Amino acid sequence: MSKVGTDSSLRSRSSAPEVAVTARTYCGDLHGRRWLLPDETPPDAVLLTHGEATLRYRLVRVQRTGRPARDYGGNYVYVPASHSGL
């Protein structure tokens, strides 16, 4: 599980690839937050900070193929993790 701090992770890095791989949250308190992923393989879950709280979001997968879901902008999609599951 990766821990993502703040929106500062969106700033360019000196070793950033030409095409950035980004993720975005949907639903929940952090709806719309975007960040750069450290590599092209998205983690199954991330911890995001929101004020003093740390919230857990899970990667959405395409039901038919099991591949990570992407939105129309090409971002990997994360939704709030349920209390009973991942």
Protein backbone atom coordinates (compact mmCIF):
# COMPACT_ATOMS: atom_id res chain seq x y z
CA MET A 1 0.00 0.00 0.00
CA SER A 2 1.36 3.41 -0.91
CA LYS A 3 1.02 6.53 1.17
CA VAL A 4 0.40 9.66 -0.81
CA GLY A 5 0.83 12.92 1.05
CA THR A 6 -0.58 16.02 -0.55
CA ASP A 7 -1.12 17.51 -3.96
CA SER A 8 2.59 18.39 -4.01
CA SER A 9 3.14 14.96 -5.56
CA LEU A 10 1.73 16.48 -8.77
CA ARG A 11 4.75 18.77 -9.13
CA SER A 12 7.23 17.70 -11.76
CA ARG A 13 10.19 15.62 -10.69
CA SER A 14 13.61 15.64 -12.31
CA SER A 15 13.36 11.92 -13.09
CA ALA A 16 9.71 12.08 -14.22
CA PRO A 17 8.93 10.22 -17.44
CA GLU A 18 7.79 12.20 -20.46
CA VAL A 19 4.26 10.83 -20.07
CA ALA A 20 3.13 11.05 -16.45
CA VAL A 21 1.03 8.24 -15.01
CA THR A 22 -1.69 9.76 -12.86
CA ALA A 23 -4.45 8.55 -10.58
CA ARG A 24 -7.66 10.22 -9.46
CA THR A 25 -10.14 9.64 -6.64
CA TYR A 26 -13.86 9.35 -7.24
CA CYS A 27 -16.44 9.74 -4.47
CA GLY A 28 -15.80 10.31 -0.81
CA ASP A 29 -14.19 13.25 0.96
CA LEU A 30 -11.33 13.44 -1.52
CA HIS A 31 -13.34 13.30 -4.75
CA GLY A 32 -11.27 14.67 -7.61
CA ARG A 33 -7.82 14.51 -5.98
CA ARG A 34 -5.09 13.66 -8.51
CA TRP A 35 -1.49 12.56 -8.02
CA LEU A 36 1.42 11.10 -9.95
CA LEU A 37 2.14 7.42 -9.53
CA PRO A 38 5.77 6.45 -8.79
CA ASP A 39 5.75 3.89 -11.61
CA GLU A 40 3.41 2.55 -14.26
CA THR A 41 1.98 -0.18 -12.02
CA PRO A 42 -0.77 1.29 -9.83
CA PRO A 43 -0.93 0.04 -6.21
CA ASP A 44 -4.08 -1.83 -5.16
CA ALA A 45 -4.67 0.64 -2.32
CA VAL A 46 -3.37 4.04 -1.23
CA LEU A 47 -3.54 6.10 1.94
CA LEU A 48 -4.40 9.76 1.33
CA THR A 49 -4.22 12.55 3.88
CA HIS A 50 -7.16 14.88 4.41
CA GLY A 51 -6.41 17.36 7.17
CA GLU A 52 -5.56 15.25 10.21
CA ALA A 53 -7.25 12.12 8.82
CA THR A 54 -5.76 9.40 6.65
CA LEU A 55 -8.23 7.82 4.25
CA ARG A 56 -7.86 4.54 2.39
CA TYR A 57 -8.78 4.31 -1.30
CA ARG A 58 -8.74 1.18 -3.46
CA LEU A 59 -7.99 0.74 -7.14
CA VAL A 60 -11.03 0.02 -9.32
CA ARG A 61 -10.65 -2.91 -11.70
CA VAL A 62 -12.58 -3.70 -14.88
CA GLN A 63 -14.87 -6.56 -13.89
CA ARG A 64 -14.57 -8.48 -17.15
CA THR A 65 -10.77 -8.30 -17.53
CA GLY A 66 -9.44 -7.56 -14.05
CA ARG A 67 -7.27 -4.76 -15.44
CA PRO A 68 -7.02 -1.43 -13.60
CA ALA A 69 -9.81 0.94 -14.62
CA ARG A 70 -9.06 4.33 -16.17
CA ASP A 71 -11.26 7.37 -16.62
CA TYR A 72 -11.70 9.30 -19.86
CA GLY A 73 -8.60 11.37 -19.03
CA GLY A 74 -6.44 8.25 -18.73
CA ASN A 75 -6.15 8.45 -14.93
CA TYR A 76 -6.28 5.27 -12.85
CA VAL A 77 -9.48 5.30 -10.78
CA TYR A 78 -9.57 4.98 -6.98
CA VAL A 79 -12.68 4.87 -4.76
CA PRO A 80 -13.02 4.84 -0.94
CA ALA A 81 -12.26 1.40 0.48
CA SER A 82 -15.17 -0.18 2.36
CA HIS A 83 -14.81 -0.85 6.07
CA SER A 84 -15.31 -4.59 5.56
CA GLY A 85 -13.06 -5.06 2.54
CA LEU A 86 -9.79 -3.88 1.08
